[in-house]
């Protein structure tokens, strides 16, 4: 599931393809898709696209459930995801200061 928080203009230049279908994000509107299909996203603008990702764990029988769990853990610990941890901590620190006022 994707929840677009910021979509740069022109929105037509920022999209996702799932299988053969192309969709454009709209801020605040959820986009739900099955990521077992081939998919790709692009942003051909100079602006920033911010999308909240929510992954749902599929119920699977063993051993597929073990493989699925392992892949999710691998993604969570990847440099791509972990590299954003300092930015998240800074954002969280600032937000905490705002709400303490």
PDB file of N, CA and C in Angstrom:
ATOM      1  N   UNK A   1       0.844  -1.162   0.000  1.00  0.00           N
ATOM      2  CA  UNK A   1       0.000   0.000   0.000  1.00  0.00           C
ATOM      3  C   UNK A   1       0.896   1.234   0.000  1.00  0.00           C
ATOM      4  N   UNK A   2       0.534   2.198  -0.809  1.00  0.00           N
ATOM      5  CA  UNK A   2       1.240   3.477  -0.849  1.00  0.00           C
ATOM      6  C   UNK A   2       0.261   4.581  -0.436  1.00  0.00           C
ATOM      7  N   UNK A   3       0.727   5.458   0.439  1.00  0.00           N
ATOM      8  CA  UNK A   3      -0.015   6.668   0.772  1.00  0.00           C
ATOM      9  C   UNK A   3       0.872   7.841   0.374  1.00  0.00           C
ATOM     10  N   UNK A   4       0.563   8.496  -0.754  1.00  0.00           N
ATOM     11  CA  UNK A   4       1.395   9.609  -1.206  1.00  0.00           C
ATOM     12  C   UNK A   4       1.244  10.821  -0.285  1.00  0.00           C
ATOM     13  N   UNK A   5       2.369  11.297   0.235  1.00  0.00           N
ATOM     14  CA  UNK A   5       2.376  12.461   1.107  1.00  0.00           C
ATOM     15  C   UNK A   5       2.727  13.729   0.332  1.00  0.00           C
ATOM     16  N   UNK A   6       3.582  13.562  -0.680  1.00  0.00           N
ATOM     17  CA  UNK A   6       3.975  14.700  -1.523  1.00  0.00           C
ATOM     18  C   UNK A   6       4.203  14.182  -2.934  1.00  0.00           C
ATOM     19  N   UNK A   7       3.488  14.760  -3.878  1.00  0.00           N
ATOM     20  CA  UNK A   7       3.624  14.383  -5.288  1.00  0.00           C
ATOM     21  C   UNK A   7       4.007  15.647  -6.055  1.00  0.00           C
ATOM     22  N   UNK A   8       5.179  15.631  -6.700  1.00  0.00           N
ATOM     23  CA  UNK A   8       5.614  16.824  -7.423  1.00  0.00           C
ATOM     24  C   UNK A   8       4.799  17.054  -8.697  1.00  0.00           C
ATOM     25  N   UNK A   9       4.827  18.273  -9.159  1.00  0.00           N
ATOM     26  CA  UNK A   9       4.160  18.631 -10.418  1.00  0.00           C
ATOM     27  C   UNK A   9       5.152  18.579 -11.556  1.00  0.00           C
ATOM     28  N   UNK A  10       4.762  18.229 -12.727  1.00  0.00           N
ATOM     29  CA  UNK A  10       3.441  17.726 -13.081  1.00  0.00           C
ATOM     30  C   UNK A  10       3.289  16.277 -12.630  1.00  0.00           C
ATOM     31  N   UNK A  11       2.175  15.981 -11.986  1.00  0.00           N
ATOM     32  CA  UNK A  11       1.925  14.661 -11.407  1.00  0.00           C
ATOM     33  C   UNK A  11       1.974  13.547 -12.454  1.00  0.00           C
ATOM     34  N   UNK A  12       1.696  13.877 -13.687  1.00  0.00           N
ATOM     35  CA  UNK A  12       1.707  12.885 -14.768  1.00  0.00           C
ATOM     36  C   UNK A  12       3.117  12.303 -14.977  1.00  0.00           C
ATOM     37  N   UNK A  13       4.150  13.033 -14.523  1.00  0.00           N
ATOM     38  CA  UNK A  13       5.542  12.597 -14.678  1.00  0.00           C
ATOM     39  C   UNK A  13       6.025  11.726 -13.518  1.00  0.00           C
ATOM     40  N   UNK A  14       5.134  11.436 -12.608  1.00  0.00           N
ATOM     41  CA  UNK A  14       5.472  10.669 -11.411  1.00  0.00           C
ATOM     42  C   UNK A  14       4.458   9.532 -11.318  1.00  0.00           C
ATOM     43  N   UNK A  15       4.916   8.285 -11.497  1.00  0.00           N
ATOM     44  CA  UNK A  15       3.948   7.194 -11.624  1.00  0.00           C
ATOM     45  C   UNK A  15       4.517   5.868 -11.140  1.00  0.00           C
ATOM     46  N   UNK A  16       3.641   4.881 -11.115  1.00  0.00           N
ATOM     47  CA  UNK A  16       4.007   3.513 -10.797  1.00  0.00           C
ATOM     48  C   UNK A  16       3.334   2.594 -11.813  1.00  0.00           C
ATOM     49  N   UNK A  17       4.096   1.593 -12.239  1.00  0.00           N
ATOM     50  CA  UNK A  17       3.539   0.571 -13.124  1.00  0.00           C
ATOM     51  C   UNK A  17       3.506  -0.731 -12.347  1.00  0.00           C
ATOM     52  N   UNK A  18       2.343  -1.363 -12.320  1.00  0.00           N
ATOM     53  CA  UNK A  18       2.178  -2.690 -11.728  1.00  0.00           C
ATOM     54  C   UNK A  18       1.645  -3.587 -12.841  1.00  0.00           C
ATOM     55  N   UNK A  19       2.449  -4.594 -13.191  1.00  0.00           N
ATOM     56  CA  UNK A  19       2.167  -5.449 -14.337  1.00  0.00           C
ATOM     57  C   UNK A  19       2.095  -4.544 -15.568  1.00  0.00           C
ATOM     58  N   UNK A  20       0.949  -4.444 -16.230  1.00  0.00           N
ATOM     59  CA  UNK A  20       0.837  -3.589 -17.421  1.00  0.00           C
ATOM     60  C   UNK A  20       0.063  -2.302 -17.153  1.00  0.00           C
ATOM     61  N   UNK A  21      -0.316  -2.072 -15.890  1.00  0.00           N
ATOM     62  CA  UNK A  21      -1.152  -0.919 -15.562  1.00  0.00           C
ATOM     63  C   UNK A  21      -0.325   0.199 -14.927  1.00  0.00           C
ATOM     64  N   UNK A  22      -0.504   1.416 -15.426  1.00  0.00           N
ATOM     65  CA  UNK A  22       0.212   2.583 -14.903  1.00  0.00           C
ATOM     66  C   UNK A  22      -0.767   3.467 -14.146  1.00  0.00           C
ATOM     67  N   UNK A  23      -0.354   3.879 -12.954  1.00  0.00           N
ATOM     68  CA  UNK A  23      -1.154   4.781 -12.112  1.00  0.00           C
ATOM     69  C   UNK A  23      -0.297   5.951 -11.661  1.00  0.00           C
ATOM     70  N   UNK A  24      -0.962   7.070 -11.405  1.00  0.00           N
ATOM     71  CA  UNK A  24      -0.303   8.265 -10.883  1.00  0.00           C
ATOM     72  C   UNK A  24      -0.810   8.492  -9.464  1.00  0.00           C
ATOM     73  N   UNK A  25       0.105   8.870  -8.580  1.00  0.00           N
ATOM     74  CA  UNK A  25      -0.273   9.113  -7.200  1.00  0.00           C
ATOM     75  C   UNK A  25      -1.044  10.424  -7.083  1.00  0.00           C
ATOM     76  N   UNK A  26      -1.938  10.442  -6.100  1.00  0.00           N
ATOM     77  CA  UNK A  26      -2.633  11.670  -5.715  1.00  0.00           C
ATOM     78  C   UNK A  26      -2.445  11.814  -4.216  1.00  0.00           C
ATOM     79  N   UNK A  27      -1.974  12.976  -3.792  1.00  0.00           N
ATOM     80  CA  UNK A  27      -1.692  13.187  -2.372  1.00  0.00           C
ATOM     81  C   UNK A  27      -2.905  12.838  -1.519  1.00  0.00           C
ATOM     82  N   UNK A  28      -2.646  12.025  -0.485  1.00  0.00           N
ATOM     83  CA  UNK A  28      -3.691  11.654   0.460  1.00  0.00           C
ATOM     84  C   UNK A  28      -4.592  10.521   0.011  1.00  0.00           C
ATOM     85  N   UNK A  29      -4.404  10.001  -1.200  1.00  0.00           N
ATOM     86  CA  UNK A  29      -5.238   8.895  -1.693  1.00  0.00           C
ATOM     87  C   UNK A  29      -4.421   7.611  -1.738  1.00  0.00           C
ATOM     88  N   UNK A  30      -4.917   6.595  -1.061  1.00  0.00           N
ATOM     89  CA  UNK A  30      -4.208   5.319  -0.952  1.00  0.00           C
ATOM     90  C   UNK A  30      -4.196   4.585  -2.284  1.00  0.00           C
ATOM     91  N   UNK A  31      -3.061   3.976  -2.578  1.00  0.00           N
ATOM     92  CA  UNK A  31      -2.912   3.126  -3.754  1.00  0.00           C
ATOM     93  C   UNK A  31      -2.518   1.743  -3.241  1.00  0.00           C
ATOM     94  N   UNK A  32      -3.389   0.793  -3.437  1.00  0.00           N
ATOM     95  CA  UNK A  32      -3.170  -0.567  -2.964  1.00  0.00           C
ATOM     96  C   UNK A  32      -2.905  -1.459  -4.165  1.00  0.00           C
ATOM     97  N   UNK A  33      -1.829  -2.246  -4.117  1.00  0.00           N
ATOM     98  CA  UNK A  33      -1.506  -3.120  -5.242  1.00  0.00           C
ATOM     99  C   UNK A  33      -0.803  -4.372  -4.751  1.00  0.00           C
ATOM    100  N   UNK A  34      -0.792  -5.362  -5.591  1.00  0.00           N
ATOM    101  CA  UNK A  34      -0.163  -6.650  -5.296  1.00  0.00           C
ATOM    102  C   UNK A  34       1.266  -6.621  -5.839  1.00  0.00           C
ATOM    103  N   UNK A  35       2.232  -6.577  -4.933  1.00  0.00           N
ATOM    104  CA  UNK A  35       3.620  -6.458  -5.380  1.00  0.00           C
ATOM    105  C   UNK A  35       4.251  -7.777  -5.814  1.00  0.00           C
ATOM    106  N   UNK A  36       3.438  -8.823  -5.935  1.00  0.00           N
ATOM    107  CA  UNK A  36       3.966 -10.052  -6.536  1.00  0.00           C
ATOM    108  C   UNK A  36       4.024  -9.920  -8.058  1.00  0.00           C
ATOM    109  N   UNK A  37       3.339  -8.912  -8.590  1.00  0.00           N
ATOM    110  CA  UNK A  37       3.445  -8.607 -10.014  1.00  0.00           C
ATOM    111  C   UNK A  37       4.684  -7.743 -10.233  1.00  0.00           C
ATOM    112  N   UNK A  38       5.285  -7.825 -11.419  1.00  0.00           N
ATOM    113  CA  UNK A  38       6.407  -6.921 -11.703  1.00  0.00           C
ATOM    114  C   UNK A  38       5.929  -5.476 -11.555  1.00  0.00           C
ATOM    115  N   UNK A  39       6.737  -4.653 -10.887  1.00  0.00           N
ATOM    116  CA  UNK A  39       6.342  -3.264 -10.696  1.00  0.00           C
ATOM    117  C   UNK A  39       7.581  -2.372 -10.650  1.00  0.00           C
ATOM    118  N   UNK A  40       7.348  -1.122 -10.989  1.00  0.00           N
ATOM    119  CA  UNK A  40       8.410  -0.112 -10.955  1.00  0.00           C
ATOM    120  C   UNK A  40       7.762   1.253 -10.767  1.00  0.00           C
ATOM    121  N   UNK A  41       8.522   2.165 -10.186  1.00  0.00           N
ATOM    122  CA  UNK A  41       8.041   3.532  -9.981  1.00  0.00           C
ATOM    123  C   UNK A  41       9.060   4.502 -10.547  1.00  0.00           C
ATOM    124  N   UNK A  42       8.593   5.689 -10.929  1.00  0.00           N
ATOM    125  CA  UNK A  42       9.509   6.691 -11.436  1.00  0.00           C
ATOM    126  C   UNK A  42       9.014   8.090 -11.110  1.00  0.00           C
ATOM    127  N   UNK A  43       9.974   8.994 -11.093  1.00  0.00           N
ATOM    128  CA  UNK A  43       9.712  10.412 -10.871  1.00  0.00           C
ATOM    129  C   UNK A  43      10.583  11.156 -11.869  1.00  0.00           C
ATOM    130  N   UNK A  44       9.993  11.617 -12.962  1.00  0.00           N
ATOM    131  CA  UNK A  44      10.729  12.333 -14.001  1.00  0.00           C
ATOM    132  C   UNK A  44      10.621  13.846 -13.814  1.00  0.00           C
ATOM    133  N   UNK A  45      10.454  14.274 -12.565  1.00  0.00           N
ATOM    134  CA  UNK A  45      10.425  15.709 -12.252  1.00  0.00           C
ATOM    135  C   UNK A  45      11.674  16.031 -11.444  1.00  0.00           C
ATOM    136  N   UNK A  46      11.870  17.298 -11.173  1.00  0.00           N
ATOM    137  CA  UNK A  46      12.957  17.715 -10.290  1.00  0.00           C
ATOM    138  C   UNK A  46      12.492  17.805  -8.844  1.00  0.00           C
ATOM    139  N   UNK A  47      11.207  17.533  -8.609  1.00  0.00           N
ATOM    140  CA  UNK A  47      10.643  17.629  -7.270  1.00  0.00           C
ATOM    141  C   UNK A  47      10.807  16.342  -6.475  1.00  0.00           C
ATOM    142  N   UNK A  48      10.447  16.431  -5.225  1.00  0.00           N
ATOM    143  CA  UNK A  48      10.556  15.291  -4.319  1.00  0.00           C
ATOM    144  C   UNK A  48       9.210  14.582  -4.218  1.00  0.00           C
ATOM    145  N   UNK A  49       9.258  13.262  -4.329  1.00  0.00           N
ATOM    146  CA  UNK A  49       8.070  12.422  -4.115  1.00  0.00           C
ATOM    147  C   UNK A  49       8.259  11.731  -2.779  1.00  0.00           C
ATOM    148  N   UNK A  50       7.260  11.840  -1.914  1.00  0.00           N
ATOM    149  CA  UNK A  50       7.299  11.173  -0.609  1.00  0.00           C
ATOM    150  C   UNK A  50       6.070  10.279  -0.496  1.00  0.00           C
ATOM    151  N   UNK A  51       6.318   8.986  -0.330  1.00  0.00           N
ATOM    152  CA  UNK A  51       5.234   8.007  -0.249  1.00  0.00           C
ATOM    153  C   UNK A  51       5.449   7.135   0.978  1.00  0.00           C
ATOM    154  N   UNK A  52       4.422   7.009   1.783  1.00  0.00           N
ATOM    155  CA  UNK A  52       4.467   6.099   2.929  1.00  0.00           C
ATOM    156  C   UNK A  52       4.147   4.701   2.423  1.00  0.00           C
ATOM    157  N   UNK A  53       5.059   3.756   2.673  1.00  0.00           N
ATOM    158  CA  UNK A  53       4.870   2.368   2.254  1.00  0.00           C
ATOM    159  C   UNK A  53       4.337   1.571   3.424  1.00  0.00           C
ATOM    160  N   UNK A  54       3.364   0.734   3.166  1.00  0.00           N
ATOM    161  CA  UNK A  54       2.879  -0.225   4.166  1.00  0.00           C
ATOM    162  C   UNK A  54       2.873  -1.584   3.487  1.00  0.00           C
ATOM    163  N   UNK A  55       3.635  -2.512   4.048  1.00  0.00           N
ATOM    164  CA  UNK A  55       3.665  -3.872   3.522  1.00  0.00           C
ATOM    165  C   UNK A  55       2.803  -4.764   4.391  1.00  0.00           C
ATOM    166  N   UNK A  56       2.023  -5.603   3.756  1.00  0.00           N
ATOM    167  CA  UNK A  56       1.204  -6.569   4.454  1.00  0.00           C
ATOM    168  C   UNK A  56       1.866  -7.932   4.331  1.00  0.00           C
ATOM    169  N   UNK A  57       1.976  -8.620   5.424  1.00  0.00           N
ATOM    170  CA  UNK A  57       2.573  -9.952   5.381  1.00  0.00           C
ATOM    171  C   UNK A  57       1.498 -10.940   4.974  1.00  0.00           C
ATOM    172  N   UNK A  58       1.785 -11.652   3.910  1.00  0.00           N
ATOM    173  CA  UNK A  58       0.823 -12.621   3.387  1.00  0.00           C
ATOM    174  C   UNK A  58       0.859 -13.900   4.208  1.00  0.00           C
ATOM    175  N   UNK A  59      -0.298 -14.457   4.505  1.00  0.00           N
ATOM    176  CA  UNK A  59      -0.291 -15.764   5.164  1.00  0.00           C
ATOM    177  C   UNK A  59       0.140 -16.830   4.153  1.00  0.00           C
ATOM    178  N   UNK A  60       1.166 -17.567   4.494  1.00  0.00           N
ATOM    179  CA  UNK A  60       1.686 -18.601   3.597  1.00  0.00           C
ATOM    180  C   UNK A  60       1.998 -19.851   4.396  1.00  0.00           C
ATOM    181  N   UNK A  61       1.995 -20.955   3.720  1.00  0.00           N
ATOM    182  CA  UNK A  61       2.360 -22.203   4.374  1.00  0.00           C
ATOM    183  C   UNK A  61       3.874 -22.353   4.386  1.00  0.00           C
ATOM    184  N   UNK A  62       4.363 -23.108   5.354  1.00  0.00           N
ATOM    185  CA  UNK A  62       5.781 -23.405   5.439  1.00  0.00           C
ATOM    186  C   UNK A  62       6.192 -24.232   4.229  1.00  0.00           C
ATOM    187  N   UNK A  63       7.294 -24.014   3.588  1.00  0.00           N
ATOM    188  CA  UNK A  63       8.419 -23.152   3.931  1.00  0.00           C
ATOM    189  C   UNK A  63       8.327 -21.753   3.324  1.00  0.00           C
ATOM    190  N   UNK A  64       7.296 -21.481   2.515  1.00  0.00           N
ATOM    191  CA  UNK A  64       7.162 -20.156   1.893  1.00  0.00           C
ATOM    192  C   UNK A  64       7.074 -19.059   2.957  1.00  0.00           C
ATOM    193  N   UNK A  65       6.432 -19.334   4.088  1.00  0.00           N
ATOM    194  CA  UNK A  65       6.319 -18.337   5.155  1.00  0.00           C
ATOM    195  C   UNK A  65       7.691 -17.957   5.704  1.00  0.00           C
ATOM    196  N   UNK A  66       8.579 -18.940   5.806  1.00  0.00           N
ATOM    197  CA  UNK A  66       9.930 -18.685   6.291  1.00  0.00           C
ATOM    198  C   UNK A  66      10.715 -17.834   5.291  1.00  0.00           C
ATOM    199  N   UNK A  67      10.593 -18.148   4.019  1.00  0.00           N
ATOM    200  CA  UNK A  67      11.268 -17.361   2.977  1.00  0.00           C
ATOM    201  C   UNK A  67      10.733 -15.930   2.978  1.00  0.00           C
ATOM    202  N   UNK A  68       9.414 -15.766   3.092  1.00  0.00           N
ATOM    203  CA  UNK A  68       8.798 -14.444   3.121  1.00  0.00           C
ATOM    204  C   UNK A  68       9.310 -13.637   4.317  1.00  0.00           C
ATOM    205  N   UNK A  69       9.354 -14.251   5.487  1.00  0.00           N
ATOM    206  CA  UNK A  69       9.841 -13.582   6.697  1.00  0.00           C
ATOM    207  C   UNK A  69      11.290 -13.152   6.507  1.00  0.00           C
ATOM    208  N   UNK A  70      12.110 -14.058   5.960  1.00  0.00           N
ATOM    209  CA  UNK A  70      13.519 -13.763   5.758  1.00  0.00           C
ATOM    210  C   UNK A  70      13.706 -12.570   4.812  1.00  0.00           C
ATOM    211  N   UNK A  71      12.961 -12.532   3.734  1.00  0.00           N
ATOM    212  CA  UNK A  71      13.077 -11.429   2.778  1.00  0.00           C
ATOM    213  C   UNK A  71      12.663 -10.095   3.401  1.00  0.00           C
ATOM    214  N   UNK A  72      11.616 -10.111   4.202  1.00  0.00           N
ATOM    215  CA  UNK A  72      11.183  -8.878   4.872  1.00  0.00           C
ATOM    216  C   UNK A  72      12.265  -8.386   5.824  1.00  0.00           C
ATOM    217  N   UNK A  73      12.874  -9.297   6.572  1.00  0.00           N
ATOM    218  CA  UNK A  73      13.962  -8.922   7.481  1.00  0.00           C
ATOM    219  C   UNK A  73      15.162  -8.381   6.714  1.00  0.00           C
ATOM    220  N   UNK A  74      15.472  -9.007   5.603  1.00  0.00           N
ATOM    221  CA  UNK A  74      16.594  -8.566   4.775  1.00  0.00           C
ATOM    222  C   UNK A  74      16.375  -7.143   4.269  1.00  0.00           C
ATOM    223  N   UNK A  75      15.170  -6.851   3.825  1.00  0.00           N
ATOM    224  CA  UNK A  75      14.848  -5.500   3.350  1.00  0.00           C
ATOM    225  C   UNK A  75      14.956  -4.500   4.501  1.00  0.00           C
ATOM    226  N   UNK A  76      14.419  -4.861   5.661  1.00  0.00           N
ATOM    227  CA  UNK A  76      14.451  -3.952   6.814  1.00  0.00           C
ATOM    228  C   UNK A  76      15.878  -3.605   7.234  1.00  0.00           C
ATOM    229  N   UNK A  77      16.799  -4.515   7.053  1.00  0.00           N
ATOM    230  CA  UNK A  77      18.192  -4.288   7.456  1.00  0.00           C
ATOM    231  C   UNK A  77      19.083  -3.857   6.299  1.00  0.00           C
ATOM    232  N   UNK A  78      18.509  -3.617   5.140  1.00  0.00           N
ATOM    233  CA  UNK A  78      19.318  -3.213   3.988  1.00  0.00           C
ATOM    234  C   UNK A  78      19.866  -1.795   4.194  1.00  0.00           C
ATOM    235  N   UNK A  79      21.000  -1.480   3.591  1.00  0.00           N
ATOM    236  CA  UNK A  79      21.549  -0.128   3.695  1.00  0.00           C
ATOM    237  C   UNK A  79      20.577   0.927   3.163  1.00  0.00           C
ATOM    238  N   UNK A  80      19.766   0.556   2.187  1.00  0.00           N
ATOM    239  CA  UNK A  80      18.804   1.502   1.623  1.00  0.00           C
ATOM    240  C   UNK A  80      17.807   1.965   2.688  1.00  0.00           C
ATOM    241  N   UNK A  81      17.299   1.026   3.478  1.00  0.00           N
ATOM    242  CA  UNK A  81      16.327   1.364   4.527  1.00  0.00           C
ATOM    243  C   UNK A  81      17.038   1.922   5.753  1.00  0.00           C
ATOM    244  N   UNK A  82      18.090   1.261   6.209  1.00  0.00           N
ATOM    245  CA  UNK A  82      18.800   1.684   7.415  1.00  0.00           C
ATOM    246  C   UNK A  82      19.468   3.038   7.229  1.00  0.00           C
ATOM    247  N   UNK A  83      19.827   3.385   6.003  1.00  0.00           N
ATOM    248  CA  UNK A  83      20.479   4.660   5.744  1.00  0.00           C
ATOM    249  C   UNK A  83      19.605   5.853   6.073  1.00  0.00           C
ATOM    250  N   UNK A  84      18.312   5.644   6.149  1.00  0.00           N
ATOM    251  CA  UNK A  84      17.386   6.736   6.472  1.00  0.00           C
ATOM    252  C   UNK A  84      17.152   6.881   7.969  1.00  0.00           C
ATOM    253  N   UNK A  85      17.708   5.995   8.781  1.00  0.00           N
ATOM    254  CA  UNK A  85      17.492   6.026  10.228  1.00  0.00           C
ATOM    255  C   UNK A  85      17.909   7.365  10.859  1.00  0.00           C
ATOM    256  N   UNK A  86      19.089   7.928  10.542  1.00  0.00           N
ATOM    257  CA  UNK A  86      19.456   9.222  11.138  1.00  0.00           C
ATOM    258  C   UNK A  86      18.466  10.339  10.789  1.00  0.00           C
ATOM    259  N   UNK A  87      17.986  10.362   9.557  1.00  0.00           N
ATOM    260  CA  UNK A  87      17.014  11.393   9.161  1.00  0.00           C
ATOM    261  C   UNK A  87      15.717  11.220   9.940  1.00  0.00           C
ATOM    262  N   UNK A  88      15.297   9.969  10.125  1.00  0.00           N
ATOM    263  CA  UNK A  88      14.078   9.712  10.896  1.00  0.00           C
ATOM    264  C   UNK A  88      14.257  10.157  12.345  1.00  0.00           C
ATOM    265  N   UNK A  89      15.410   9.848  12.938  1.00  0.00           N
ATOM    266  CA  UNK A  89      15.650  10.232  14.334  1.00  0.00           C
ATOM    267  C   UNK A  89      15.654  11.746  14.503  1.00  0.00           C
ATOM    268  N   UNK A  90      16.225  12.464  13.544  1.00  0.00           N
ATOM    269  CA  UNK A  90      16.209  13.931  13.589  1.00  0.00           C
ATOM    270  C   UNK A  90      14.788  14.459  13.460  1.00  0.00           C
ATOM    271  N   UNK A  91      14.020  13.908  12.547  1.00  0.00           N
ATOM    272  CA  UNK A  91      12.618  14.302  12.378  1.00  0.00           C
ATOM    273  C   UNK A  91      11.835  14.041  13.664  1.00  0.00           C
ATOM    274  N   UNK A  92      12.050  12.871  14.266  1.00  0.00           N
ATOM    275  CA  UNK A  92      11.359  12.512  15.502  1.00  0.00           C
ATOM    276  C   UNK A  92      11.750  13.460  16.641  1.00  0.00           C
ATOM    277  N   UNK A  93      13.031  13.829  16.727  1.00  0.00           N
ATOM    278  CA  UNK A  93      13.502  14.755  17.764  1.00  0.00           C
ATOM    279  C   UNK A  93      12.823  16.112  17.614  1.00  0.00           C
ATOM    280  N   UNK A  94      12.767  16.619  16.375  1.00  0.00           N
ATOM    281  CA  UNK A  94      12.123  17.917  16.142  1.00  0.00           C
ATOM    282  C   UNK A  94      10.635  17.880  16.448  1.00  0.00           C
ATOM    283  N   UNK A  95       9.980  16.822  16.039  1.00  0.00           N
ATOM    284  CA  UNK A  95       8.545  16.694  16.287  1.00  0.00           C
ATOM    285  C   UNK A  95       8.260  16.619  17.785  1.00  0.00           C
ATOM    286  N   UNK A  96       9.087  15.891  18.514  1.00  0.00           N
ATOM    287  CA  UNK A  96       8.921  15.780  19.961  1.00  0.00           C
ATOM    288  C   UNK A  96       9.066  17.158  20.614  1.00  0.00           C
ATOM    289  N   UNK A  97      10.032  17.962  20.161  1.00  0.00           N
ATOM    290  CA  UNK A  97      10.221  19.307  20.715  1.00  0.00           C
ATOM    291  C   UNK A  97       9.004  20.182  20.432  1.00  0.00           C
ATOM    292  N   UNK A  98       8.436  20.079  19.262  1.00  0.00           N
ATOM    293  CA  UNK A  98       7.265  20.881  18.909  1.00  0.00           C
ATOM    294  C   UNK A  98       6.103  20.571  19.826  1.00  0.00           C
ATOM    295  N   UNK A  99       5.856  19.284  20.074  1.00  0.00           N
ATOM    296  CA  UNK A  99       4.692  18.892  20.871  1.00  0.00           C
ATOM    297  C   UNK A  99       4.914  19.041  22.370  1.00  0.00           C
ATOM    298  N   UNK A 100       6.151  19.255  22.815  1.00  0.00           N
ATOM    299  CA  UNK A 100       6.416  19.489  24.229  1.00  0.00           C
ATOM    300  C   UNK A 100       6.095  20.933  24.619  1.00  0.00           C
ATOM    301  N   UNK A 101       5.978  21.805  23.623  1.00  0.00           N
ATOM    302  CA  UNK A 101       5.743  23.235  23.909  1.00  0.00           C
ATOM    303  C   UNK A 101       4.398  23.474  24.481  1.00  0.00           C
TER     304      UNK A 101
END
